[in-house]
Amino acid sequence: AGGPAPLLALTVALRTLNCFLVQTSFVPDEYWQSLEVAHRMLNINNYGYLTWEWANGLRGYSYPLIFASIYKALQLLAKDDVQLLIWVPRLAQAVLAAFADVKLYSLVRHLENAETAKCVYFCQLCSWFTWYSCTRTLTNTMETLLTIFALSYYPIKGSKMGNSCKYLALIAFAIVIRPTAVIPWIPLVFIHFLQEERKADLILHNCIPVGLVTVGTSLIIDRVFFGEWVLVQLNFLKFNVLQNLGTFYGSHPWHWYFTQGLPVILGTHLPFFIHGCVLAPKRYHIFLMAVIWTVLVYSTLSHKEFRFIYPVLPFCMVFCGYSLRHLKAWKKCAASFLLLSNLLPALYTGLIHQRGSLDVMSHIQQLCNNSYQSQAFVFIMMPCHSTPFYSHVHCPLKMRFLQCPPDLTGNESYIDEADVFYSNPLGWLNKEFYNDTLLPSHLIFFSVLEQEISSFLALRGYEKTATVFHTHVPQGRVGSHIYVYRKKTEMNH
């Protein structure tokens, strides 16, 4: 690896390839909290969809604004083709990820030496979970990238690149995008404060101005798009921590991050991480503390997901690289093992697992091209938010999906639409579409549902027009394939 410029070019090329080799869906938030919102912000006709979080002011517009700007630029250039709307935001994310990788390399090179930096850089590029996540339009991805950028300006012992104002501004921006970004930084900022000689200066000249500028900007952006003053960060905290309504989306045992979360996202890096923690000099203990603290804090919340702890992965990579660097005779073997053992999960999760919910969108896109568009009505009968929506269709097609907002009124007997549907699909369909004029022209659903609603499909004249592979591990309501059914148009009318 040469200096940062050739390295950056190489990394951008790698992450661009990475971007195109990730064609699967991970979690709904990848679209519903970023691209769908951006598409809605862009559109003058206002077709687009905002989930319940936006109705309740739990999310801010600062992050979607980045994608809305990309969409607007494409629109002004008359290049707002649906494929570009899908890929350009991901490519932008990929370029940012490449910059972050190089920043991590530069940081370690600066703190240690080129040899250790190469090892950390190698571990970062090998990580299957980073490969799987870093080009996605998730708030967690942006939070992780900003954490790396902030880390490179953090005044760790022996660093000459430390810049309080820059690192605090980057953290503040990350918190605006996703309030949980504050978690890994609590111990780091606290230790910086303890070690800082001019404490008053740090607070008066850095913390307060940075805080005021970022919160102020975020408030103004949200005021423009919500049409009223909303302090999103406060609402987010109330909902997720004080009311603990996140459990609506599932709850896990307290130890989940230690027994499953961290071991899975680290994968085969785990032994290197443990070895690196033992070897690394004392000044890196602060990074380890950030990892442990973050995992502990997240363990107290009942709703747990792999992506929530993604921001601690770069910290872990520093230790993995440290371990690799000190394996001397075994270094080449260890590096080959890391590369090969991460390649399979990276390619499998990126190209095969859960790809149906994106592939099926191309069948919906085709309805935009013809004169049939005004009569078309697509009903997605899948667990809610299984597929993206208008950001992957980009035409004012009539579409509907099963809703699943949590109950915010405290009603004990509340059941969301999706649950009501799944408790009796056939009864629900007959009741909902009691009249033939109300019937959707297209039905999209997972293969597991077909048997149960077959009489409805036959009676109402639907025929299967496409079968799309989704996953090798169907679970519950999620089937191995997605079926597209179209209503036959009678010739005699």
Protein backbone atom coordinates (compact mmCIF):
# COMPACT_ATOMS: atom_id res chain seq x y z
CA ALA A 1 0.00 0.00 0.00
CA GLY A 2 1.36 3.39 -1.00
CA GLY A 3 0.48 6.77 0.47
CA PRO A 4 -3.11 7.81 1.13
CA ALA A 5 -3.83 8.91 -2.49
CA PRO A 6 -3.15 5.58 -4.27
CA LEU A 7 -4.63 3.79 -1.26
CA LEU A 8 -7.79 5.89 -1.49
CA ALA A 9 -8.19 5.14 -5.21
CA LEU A 10 -7.80 1.41 -4.51
CA THR A 11 -10.26 1.55 -1.59
CA VAL A 12 -12.87 3.48 -3.58
CA ALA A 13 -12.61 0.85 -6.32
CA LEU A 14 -13.02 -1.94 -3.76
CA ARG A 15 -16.00 -0.35 -2.05
CA THR A 16 -17.64 0.35 -5.41
CA LEU A 17 -17.31 -3.34 -6.21
CA ASN A 18 -18.61 -4.03 -2.70
CA CYS A 19 -21.64 -1.85 -3.44
CA PHE A 20 -22.57 -3.83 -6.57
CA LEU A 21 -22.02 -7.15 -4.81
CA VAL A 22 -24.60 -6.33 -2.16
CA GLN A 23 -27.99 -6.95 -3.76
CA THR A 24 -29.93 -8.23 -0.77
CA SER A 25 -32.15 -6.58 1.81
CA PHE A 26 -31.05 -6.39 5.42
CA VAL A 27 -33.66 -4.47 7.45
CA PRO A 28 -36.55 -2.19 6.37
CA ASP A 29 -34.88 0.91 7.87
CA GLU A 30 -32.42 0.86 4.99
CA TYR A 31 -35.19 2.32 2.80
CA TRP A 32 -38.02 3.39 5.05
CA GLN A 33 -35.98 5.79 7.21
CA SER A 34 -33.82 7.19 4.41
CA LEU A 35 -34.67 6.69 0.73
CA GLU A 36 -38.47 6.58 1.09
CA VAL A 37 -38.37 9.79 3.10
CA ALA A 38 -35.98 11.42 0.61
CA HIS A 39 -38.24 10.41 -2.28
CA ARG A 40 -41.20 11.94 -0.51
CA MET A 41 -39.22 15.16 0.21
CA LEU A 42 -38.27 15.43 -3.45
CA ASN A 43 -41.66 14.89 -4.97
CA ILE A 44 -43.85 17.77 -5.80
CA ASN A 45 -46.82 15.44 -6.36
CA ASN A 46 -46.17 14.16 -2.84
CA TYR A 47 -46.46 10.50 -3.67
CA GLY A 48 -44.23 8.73 -1.24
CA TYR A 49 -44.73 7.16 2.13
CA LEU A 50 -43.77 8.19 5.63
CA THR A 51 -43.91 5.59 8.40
CA TRP A 52 -45.46 6.23 11.81
CA GLU A 53 -42.07 7.34 13.24
CA TRP A 54 -42.30 10.46 11.08
CA ALA A 55 -45.89 11.15 12.10
CA ASN A 56 -44.71 11.09 15.71
CA GLY A 57 -41.51 13.10 15.20
CA LEU A 58 -39.14 10.26 16.21
CA ARG A 59 -36.83 10.72 13.22
CA GLY A 60 -35.10 13.76 11.81
CA TYR A 61 -34.83 14.93 8.21
CA SER A 62 -31.09 15.69 8.30
CA TYR A 63 -30.02 12.24 7.02
CA PRO A 64 -32.71 11.78 4.32
CA LEU A 65 -31.88 15.32 3.17
CA ILE A 66 -28.52 13.99 1.88
CA PHE A 67 -30.36 11.55 -0.40
CA ALA A 68 -33.07 14.05 -1.30
CA SER A 69 -30.25 16.32 -2.53
CA ILE A 70 -28.86 13.47 -4.66
CA TYR A 71 -32.35 12.82 -6.05
CA LYS A 72 -32.84 16.52 -6.74
CA ALA A 73 -29.52 16.73 -8.62
CA LEU A 74 -30.52 13.71 -10.74
CA GLN A 75 -33.90 15.28 -11.38
CA LEU A 76 -32.36 18.59 -12.50
CA LEU A 77 -30.04 16.70 -14.83
CA ALA A 78 -33.10 14.83 -16.17
CA LYS A 79 -31.41 11.60 -15.07
CA ASP A 80 -33.93 10.54 -12.43
CA ASP A 81 -34.22 7.06 -13.85
CA VAL A 82 -35.34 4.52 -11.25
CA GLN A 83 -32.08 2.52 -11.51
CA LEU A 84 -30.00 5.64 -10.81
CA LEU A 85 -32.27 6.53 -7.88
CA ILE A 86 -31.57 3.07 -6.46
CA TRP A 87 -27.80 2.90 -7.06
CA VAL A 88 -26.47 6.46 -6.72
CA PRO A 89 -27.26 6.77 -2.97
CA ARG A 90 -25.56 3.40 -2.37
CA LEU A 91 -22.53 4.46 -4.42
CA ALA A 92 -22.31 7.69 -2.42
CA GLN A 93 -22.34 5.59 0.75
CA ALA A 94 -19.63 3.34 -0.73
CA VAL A 95 -17.33 6.30 -1.46
CA LEU A 96 -17.81 7.57 2.09
CA ALA A 97 -17.02 4.09 3.41
CA ALA A 98 -13.78 4.09 1.39
CA PHE A 99 -12.75 7.43 2.90
CA ALA A 100 -13.47 6.03 6.36
CA ASP A 101 -11.32 2.92 5.67
CA VAL A 102 -8.41 5.14 4.65
CA LYS A 103 -8.94 7.38 7.68
CA LEU A 104 -8.68 4.32 9.92
CA TYR A 105 -5.46 3.32 8.15
CA SER A 106 -3.99 6.82 8.56
CA LEU A 107 -4.93 6.94 12.23
CA VAL A 108 -3.16 3.65 13.06
CA ARG A 109 -0.19 4.56 10.89
CA HIS A 110 0.09 7.79 12.82
CA LEU A 111 -0.27 6.13 16.23
CA GLU A 112 1.80 3.01 15.48
CA ASN A 113 3.52 2.38 12.14
CA ALA A 114 2.76 1.51 8.53
CA GLU A 115 3.00 -2.23 9.24
CA THR A 116 0.29 -2.21 11.94
CA ALA A 117 -1.81 0.20 9.86
CA LYS A 118 -1.76 -2.23 6.93
CA CYS A 119 -2.91 -5.04 9.22
CA VAL A 120 -5.80 -2.96 10.61
CA TYR A 121 -6.76 -1.85 7.09
CA PHE A 122 -6.68 -5.48 5.93
CA CYS A 123 -8.89 -6.60 8.84
CA GLN A 124 -11.33 -3.79 8.11
CA LEU A 125 -11.60 -4.75 4.43
CA CYS A 126 -11.97 -8.45 5.30
CA SER A 127 -14.80 -7.99 7.77
CA TRP A 128 -17.88 -9.71 6.31
CA PHE A 129 -20.27 -7.57 8.33
CA THR A 130 -18.62 -4.32 7.21
CA TRP A 131 -18.86 -5.59 3.63
CA TYR A 132 -22.53 -6.43 4.17
CA SER A 133 -23.42 -3.09 5.79
CA CYS A 134 -21.09 -0.28 4.72
CA THR A 135 -22.74 0.56 1.38
CA ARG A 136 -26.29 0.44 2.72
CA THR A 137 -28.35 3.58 3.32
CA LEU A 138 -28.87 2.74 7.00
CA THR A 139 -28.51 5.36 9.71
CA ASN A 140 -26.30 2.80 11.50
CA THR A 141 -23.90 2.86 8.53
CA MET A 142 -23.60 6.64 8.63
CA GLU A 143 -23.19 6.51 12.41
CA THR A 144 -20.30 4.04 11.99
CA LEU A 145 -18.56 6.08 9.27
CA LEU A 146 -18.84 9.28 11.31
CA THR A 147 -17.46 7.41 14.32
CA ILE A 148 -14.34 6.48 12.30
CA PHE A 149 -13.92 10.08 11.10
CA ALA A 150 -14.35 11.38 14.65
CA LEU A 151 -11.89 8.80 15.95
CA SER A 152 -9.18 10.11 13.64
CA TYR A 153 -9.39 13.52 15.37
CA TYR A 154 -9.79 12.18 18.89
CA PRO A 155 -6.91 13.32 21.14
CA ILE A 156 -5.62 9.89 22.15
CA LYS A 157 -2.23 9.76 23.87
CA GLY A 158 0.56 10.13 21.32
CA SER A 159 -1.68 11.61 18.64
CA LYS A 160 -0.71 14.88 16.96
CA MET A 161 -3.87 14.83 14.83
CA GLY A 162 -6.14 15.44 17.82
CA ASN A 163 -8.63 18.21 17.20
CA SER A 164 -11.36 18.69 19.81
CA CYS A 165 -13.55 20.86 17.65
CA LYS A 166 -13.50 18.48 14.65
CA TYR A 167 -14.12 15.29 16.55
CA LEU A 168 -16.90 16.82 18.65
CA ALA A 169 -18.58 18.23 15.53
CA LEU A 170 -18.49 14.81 13.87
CA ILE A 171 -19.98 13.14 16.95
CA ALA A 172 -22.66 15.82 17.13
CA PHE A 173 -23.54 15.23 13.47
CA ALA A 174 -23.74 11.47 14.15
CA ILE A 175 -26.07 12.09 17.11
CA VAL A 176 -28.33 14.25 14.93
CA ILE A 177 -28.57 11.36 12.46
CA ARG A 178 -29.01 8.68 15.11
CA PRO A 179 -29.19 9.74 18.78
CA THR A 180 -27.70 6.41 19.95
CA ALA A 181 -24.37 7.49 18.38
CA VAL A 182 -23.66 9.17 21.69
CA ILE A 183 -23.25 5.80 23.47
CA PRO A 184 -19.72 4.71 22.37
CA TRP A 185 -18.49 8.28 22.84
CA ILE A 186 -19.57 8.75 26.46
CA PRO A 187 -16.43 7.09 27.95
CA LEU A 188 -14.14 8.66 25.32
CA VAL A 189 -15.40 12.21 25.83
CA PHE A 190 -15.38 11.72 29.60
CA ILE A 191 -11.73 10.60 29.60
CA HIS A 192 -10.77 13.44 27.26
CA PHE A 193 -12.43 15.85 29.71
CA LEU A 194 -10.53 14.36 32.68
CA GLN A 195 -7.19 14.60 30.86
CA GLU A 196 -7.78 18.06 29.42
CA GLU A 197 -5.90 20.77 31.28
CA ARG A 198 -8.05 23.64 30.04
CA LYS A 199 -11.43 22.20 30.96
CA ALA A 200 -13.35 25.47 30.79
CA ASP A 201 -11.95 26.17 27.31
CA LEU A 202 -13.02 22.74 26.10
CA ILE A 203 -16.59 23.33 27.27
CA LEU A 204 -16.92 27.01 26.33
CA HIS A 205 -15.00 27.02 23.04
CA ASN A 206 -15.76 23.55 21.74
CA CYS A 207 -18.65 21.66 23.34
CA ILE A 208 -21.16 24.51 23.60
CA PRO A 209 -20.62 26.12 20.14
CA VAL A 210 -20.57 22.70 18.41
CA GLY A 211 -23.70 21.61 20.27
CA LEU A 212 -25.57 24.80 19.49
CA VAL A 213 -24.67 24.79 15.79
CA THR A 214 -25.59 21.13 15.18
CA VAL A 215 -28.78 21.09 17.26
CA GLY A 216 -29.75 24.44 15.75
CA THR A 217 -29.20 23.23 12.19
CA SER A 218 -31.05 20.00 12.85
CA LEU A 219 -33.96 21.91 14.43
CA ILE A 220 -34.21 24.24 11.43
CA ILE A 221 -34.11 21.37 8.90
CA ASP A 222 -36.84 19.55 10.85
CA ARG A 223 -38.88 22.74 11.18
CA VAL A 224 -38.86 23.13 7.39
CA PHE A 225 -40.04 19.58 6.69
CA PHE A 226 -42.29 18.90 9.69
CA GLY A 227 -43.82 22.35 9.44
CA GLU A 228 -43.42 22.83 13.20
CA TRP A 229 -40.68 22.81 15.83
CA VAL A 230 -39.77 19.24 16.77
CA LEU A 231 -36.90 18.07 18.96
CA VAL A 232 -36.46 14.64 17.39
CA GLN A 233 -33.66 13.48 19.71
CA LEU A 234 -35.85 13.94 22.76
CA ASN A 235 -38.78 12.05 21.21
CA PHE A 236 -36.44 9.23 20.19
CA LEU A 237 -35.14 8.93 23.75
CA LYS A 238 -38.64 8.99 25.25
CA PHE A 239 -39.88 6.28 22.90
CA ASN A 240 -36.95 3.88 22.99
CA VAL A 241 -35.68 4.28 26.54
CA LEU A 242 -38.33 5.74 28.83
CA GLN A 243 -41.37 4.01 27.29
CA ASN A 244 -39.31 1.06 25.99
CA LEU A 245 -41.73 0.70 23.07
CA GLY A 246 -38.97 -0.87 20.97
CA THR A 247 -40.02 -4.23 22.47
CA PHE A 248 -42.93 -4.08 20.01
CA TYR A 249 -40.38 -5.20 17.42
CA GLY A 250 -39.18 -8.14 19.49
CA SER A 251 -37.14 -8.63 22.64
CA HIS A 252 -34.01 -10.67 23.39
CA PRO A 253 -32.30 -11.91 26.58
CA TRP A 254 -29.87 -9.47 28.24
CA HIS A 255 -26.77 -11.48 27.22
CA TRP A 256 -27.67 -11.60 23.50
CA TYR A 257 -24.96 -9.14 22.37
CA PHE A 258 -22.26 -11.08 24.23
CA THR A 259 -23.38 -14.56 23.17
CA GLN A 260 -24.62 -13.80 19.65
CA GLY A 261 -24.47 -10.14 18.56
CA LEU A 262 -20.76 -9.40 18.84
CA PRO A 263 -19.50 -12.94 17.97
CA VAL A 264 -21.61 -12.94 14.77
CA ILE A 265 -20.60 -9.51 13.48
CA LEU A 266 -16.95 -10.17 14.34
CA GLY A 267 -17.09 -13.65 12.82
CA THR A 268 -13.64 -15.20 12.43
CA HIS A 269 -12.09 -11.93 13.61
CA LEU A 270 -13.14 -12.86 17.15
CA PRO A 271 -9.97 -14.77 18.22
CA PHE A 272 -7.82 -11.97 16.74
CA PHE A 273 -9.85 -9.39 18.63
CA ILE A 274 -9.35 -11.22 21.94
CA HIS A 275 -5.62 -11.73 21.23
CA GLY A 276 -5.27 -8.05 20.24
CA CYS A 277 -6.96 -6.91 23.47
CA VAL A 278 -4.33 -8.81 25.46
CA LEU A 279 -1.42 -7.45 23.38
CA ALA A 280 -2.37 -3.83 22.72
CA PRO A 281 -0.61 -1.09 24.71
CA LYS A 282 -2.37 0.58 27.62
CA ARG A 283 -3.41 3.68 25.69
CA TYR A 284 -5.78 1.54 23.59
CA HIS A 285 -7.67 0.34 26.65
CA ILE A 286 -9.94 3.31 26.13
CA PHE A 287 -11.11 1.80 22.80
CA LEU A 288 -11.82 -1.50 24.51
CA MET A 289 -13.71 0.36 27.19
CA ALA A 290 -15.85 2.02 24.51
CA VAL A 291 -16.68 -1.42 23.03
CA ILE A 292 -17.58 -3.02 26.37
CA TRP A 293 -19.53 0.02 27.56
CA THR A 294 -21.56 0.20 24.30
CA VAL A 295 -22.42 -3.50 24.39
CA LEU A 296 -23.41 -3.22 28.06
CA VAL A 297 -25.65 -0.20 27.46
CA TYR A 298 -27.38 -1.86 24.50
CA SER A 299 -27.81 -5.03 26.56
CA THR A 300 -30.11 -3.15 28.93
CA LEU A 301 -32.59 -2.44 26.08
CA SER A 302 -34.87 -5.37 25.33
CA HIS A 303 -35.02 -4.89 21.53
CA LYS A 304 -31.67 -5.98 20.07
CA GLU A 305 -30.28 -6.07 16.54
CA PHE A 306 -26.87 -6.82 15.01
CA ARG A 307 -26.69 -3.43 13.30
CA PHE A 308 -27.05 -1.52 16.58
CA ILE A 309 -23.50 -2.46 17.61
CA TYR A 310 -22.01 -1.98 14.13
CA PRO A 311 -20.37 1.33 15.27
CA VAL A 312 -18.03 -0.55 17.65
CA LEU A 313 -16.65 -2.70 14.83
CA PRO A 314 -13.94 -0.18 13.78
CA PHE A 315 -12.66 -0.11 17.40
CA CYS A 316 -12.48 -3.92 17.30
CA MET A 317 -10.56 -3.84 14.01
CA VAL A 318 -7.75 -1.87 15.67
CA PHE A 319 -7.23 -4.81 18.06
CA CYS A 320 -7.59 -7.41 15.29
CA GLY A 321 -4.92 -5.62 13.27
CA TYR A 322 -2.67 -5.42 16.31
CA SER A 323 -3.01 -9.17 16.77
CA LEU A 324 -2.30 -9.92 13.10
CA ARG A 325 0.78 -7.69 13.13
CA HIS A 326 2.28 -9.69 16.03
CA LEU A 327 1.69 -13.15 14.60
CA LYS A 328 5.09 -12.93 12.83
CA ALA A 329 5.61 -16.44 11.36
CA TRP A 330 1.91 -17.19 11.19
CA LYS A 331 0.92 -13.84 9.73
CA LYS A 332 0.43 -15.00 6.12
CA CYS A 333 -1.59 -18.05 7.18
CA ALA A 334 -3.72 -15.97 9.52
CA ALA A 335 -4.36 -13.33 6.83
CA SER A 336 -5.37 -16.01 4.30
CA PHE A 337 -7.66 -17.60 6.87
CA LEU A 338 -9.32 -14.24 7.60
CA LEU A 339 -9.81 -13.47 3.93
CA LEU A 340 -11.24 -16.85 2.96
CA SER A 341 -13.44 -17.30 6.02
CA ASN A 342 -15.02 -13.88 5.51
CA LEU A 343 -15.39 -14.16 1.74
CA LEU A 344 -18.13 -16.80 1.87
CA PRO A 345 -20.44 -15.10 4.38
CA ALA A 346 -19.85 -11.74 2.65
CA LEU A 347 -20.82 -13.08 -0.78
CA TYR A 348 -23.65 -15.25 0.50
CA THR A 349 -25.32 -12.51 2.56
CA GLY A 350 -24.61 -9.91 -0.11
CA LEU A 351 -25.79 -11.82 -3.18
CA ILE A 352 -28.16 -14.59 -2.08
CA HIS A 353 -29.75 -14.28 1.36
CA GLN A 354 -32.96 -12.19 1.32
CA ARG A 355 -32.63 -10.88 -2.20
CA GLY A 356 -36.23 -11.47 -3.23
CA SER A 357 -37.66 -8.35 -1.66
CA LEU A 358 -35.42 -6.23 -3.92
CA ASP A 359 -35.72 -8.42 -7.02
CA VAL A 360 -39.50 -8.32 -6.91
CA MET A 361 -39.40 -4.52 -7.26
CA SER A 362 -38.36 -4.87 -10.92
CA HIS A 363 -41.72 -6.57 -11.59
CA ILE A 364 -43.49 -3.59 -10.05
CA GLN A 365 -41.31 -1.12 -11.98
CA GLN A 366 -42.55 -2.66 -15.25
CA LEU A 367 -46.07 -1.47 -14.45
CA CYS A 368 -44.83 2.12 -14.73
CA ASN A 369 -43.84 1.78 -18.36
CA ASN A 370 -47.20 1.18 -19.98
CA SER A 371 -50.57 2.85 -20.34
CA TYR A 372 -51.86 0.31 -17.82
CA GLN A 373 -50.32 2.32 -14.96
CA SER A 374 -53.49 4.21 -14.04
CA GLN A 375 -55.49 0.99 -13.56
CA ALA A 376 -52.74 -0.90 -11.76
CA PHE A 377 -53.04 -1.44 -8.02
CA VAL A 378 -50.32 -3.41 -6.27
CA PHE A 379 -51.01 -4.96 -2.87
CA ILE A 380 -47.98 -6.29 -0.99
CA MET A 381 -49.25 -8.93 1.44
CA MET A 382 -46.03 -9.47 3.35
CA PRO A 383 -44.80 -8.71 6.88
CA CYS A 384 -44.88 -4.93 6.83
CA HIS A 385 -42.02 -3.01 5.18
CA SER A 386 -40.65 -6.24 3.66
CA THR A 387 -39.89 -4.43 0.41
CA PRO A 388 -38.86 -0.87 -0.40
CA PHE A 389 -41.63 1.32 -1.81
CA TYR A 390 -41.72 4.39 -4.06
CA SER A 391 -37.95 4.96 -3.94
CA HIS A 392 -37.59 1.75 -5.99
CA VAL A 393 -40.57 2.36 -8.29
CA HIS A 394 -40.49 6.11 -8.95
CA CYS A 395 -43.90 6.50 -10.50
CA PRO A 396 -47.25 7.33 -8.87
CA LEU A 397 -48.50 3.75 -8.98
CA LYS A 398 -51.28 2.84 -6.58
CA MET A 399 -49.64 0.62 -3.96
CA ARG A 400 -50.58 -0.70 -0.56
CA PHE A 401 -48.92 -2.85 2.11
CA LEU A 402 -49.97 -4.27 5.48
CA GLN A 403 -49.54 -1.68 8.22
CA CYS A 404 -47.91 -2.36 11.58
CA PRO A 405 -47.53 0.82 13.64
CA PRO A 406 -47.18 0.22 17.39
CA ASP A 407 -49.99 1.48 19.59
CA LEU A 408 -49.02 4.76 21.21
CA THR A 409 -52.29 5.25 23.09
CA GLY A 410 -51.81 2.51 25.70
CA ASN A 411 -54.64 0.34 24.37
CA GLU A 412 -54.02 -3.16 25.81
CA SER A 413 -56.03 -5.06 23.20
CA TYR A 414 -54.43 -3.34 20.18
CA ILE A 415 -53.46 -5.59 17.24
CA ASP A 416 -51.87 -4.10 14.13
CA GLU A 417 -53.21 -4.69 10.60
CA ALA A 418 -50.48 -7.17 9.65
CA ASP A 419 -51.21 -9.34 12.72
CA VAL A 420 -54.95 -9.19 12.08
CA PHE A 421 -54.32 -10.27 8.47
CA TYR A 422 -52.03 -13.16 9.41
CA SER A 423 -54.43 -14.49 12.05
CA ASN A 424 -56.93 -15.24 9.26
CA PRO A 425 -55.68 -14.27 5.76
CA LEU A 426 -58.63 -15.70 3.83
CA GLY A 427 -61.27 -14.11 6.06
CA TRP A 428 -59.43 -10.79 5.99
CA LEU A 429 -59.20 -10.74 2.16
CA ASN A 430 -62.86 -11.63 1.67
CA LYS A 431 -63.91 -8.92 4.12
CA GLU A 432 -61.52 -6.27 2.76
CA PHE A 433 -62.30 -6.93 -0.93
CA TYR A 434 -66.02 -7.73 -0.60
CA ASN A 435 -66.60 -6.07 -3.95
CA ASP A 436 -64.73 -6.98 -7.17
CA THR A 437 -64.17 -3.32 -8.05
CA LEU A 438 -61.92 -2.99 -4.99
CA LEU A 439 -59.59 -5.83 -5.99
CA PRO A 440 -55.89 -5.10 -6.56
CA SER A 441 -54.55 -5.83 -10.05
CA HIS A 442 -51.43 -7.42 -8.53
CA LEU A 443 -50.83 -9.36 -5.34
CA ILE A 444 -47.34 -9.95 -3.99
CA PHE A 445 -46.73 -12.37 -1.12
CA PHE A 446 -44.38 -15.00 0.31
CA SER A 447 -44.79 -18.60 -0.83
CA VAL A 448 -45.86 -19.74 2.67
CA LEU A 449 -49.17 -17.88 2.23
CA GLU A 450 -50.23 -19.42 -1.09
CA GLN A 451 -51.88 -22.57 0.28
CA GLU A 452 -54.02 -20.62 2.71
CA ILE A 453 -55.43 -18.11 0.23
CA SER A 454 -55.59 -20.38 -2.84
CA SER A 455 -59.43 -20.39 -2.89
CA PHE A 456 -59.49 -16.57 -2.93
CA LEU A 457 -56.96 -16.46 -5.78
CA ALA A 458 -58.88 -19.00 -7.88
CA LEU A 459 -62.28 -17.46 -7.24
CA ARG A 460 -61.18 -13.91 -8.03
CA GLY A 461 -59.31 -14.90 -11.19
CA TYR A 462 -55.67 -14.36 -10.24
CA GLU A 463 -52.84 -16.11 -12.06
CA LYS A 464 -49.20 -16.46 -10.99
CA THR A 465 -46.93 -14.43 -13.26
CA ALA A 466 -43.60 -14.59 -11.42
CA THR A 467 -41.71 -16.56 -8.79
CA VAL A 468 -38.78 -14.78 -7.16
CA PHE A 469 -36.20 -16.50 -4.95
CA HIS A 470 -35.80 -14.92 -1.52
CA THR A 471 -33.95 -17.07 1.02
CA HIS A 472 -32.75 -20.57 1.86
CA VAL A 473 -33.89 -20.15 5.47
CA PRO A 474 -37.61 -19.35 5.46
CA GLN A 475 -38.96 -18.47 8.91
CA GLY A 476 -42.52 -18.00 10.07
CA ARG A 477 -44.25 -15.54 7.75
CA VAL A 478 -41.21 -15.23 5.48
CA GLY A 479 -41.15 -17.83 2.73
CA SER A 480 -38.34 -19.09 0.53
CA HIS A 481 -39.89 -17.44 -2.54
CA ILE A 482 -42.03 -14.43 -3.38
CA TYR A 483 -44.96 -14.88 -5.76
CA VAL A 484 -46.43 -12.25 -8.04
CA TYR A 485 -50.07 -12.81 -8.96
CA ARG A 486 -51.96 -10.79 -11.56
CA LYS A 487 -55.70 -10.50 -11.99
CA LYS A 488 -56.76 -11.85 -15.38
CA THR A 489 -58.53 -9.21 -17.44
CA GLU A 490 -61.75 -10.62 -18.91
CA MET A 491 -61.88 -10.38 -22.69
CA ASN A 492 -65.68 -10.16 -22.87
CA HIS A 493 -66.02 -6.86 -21.00
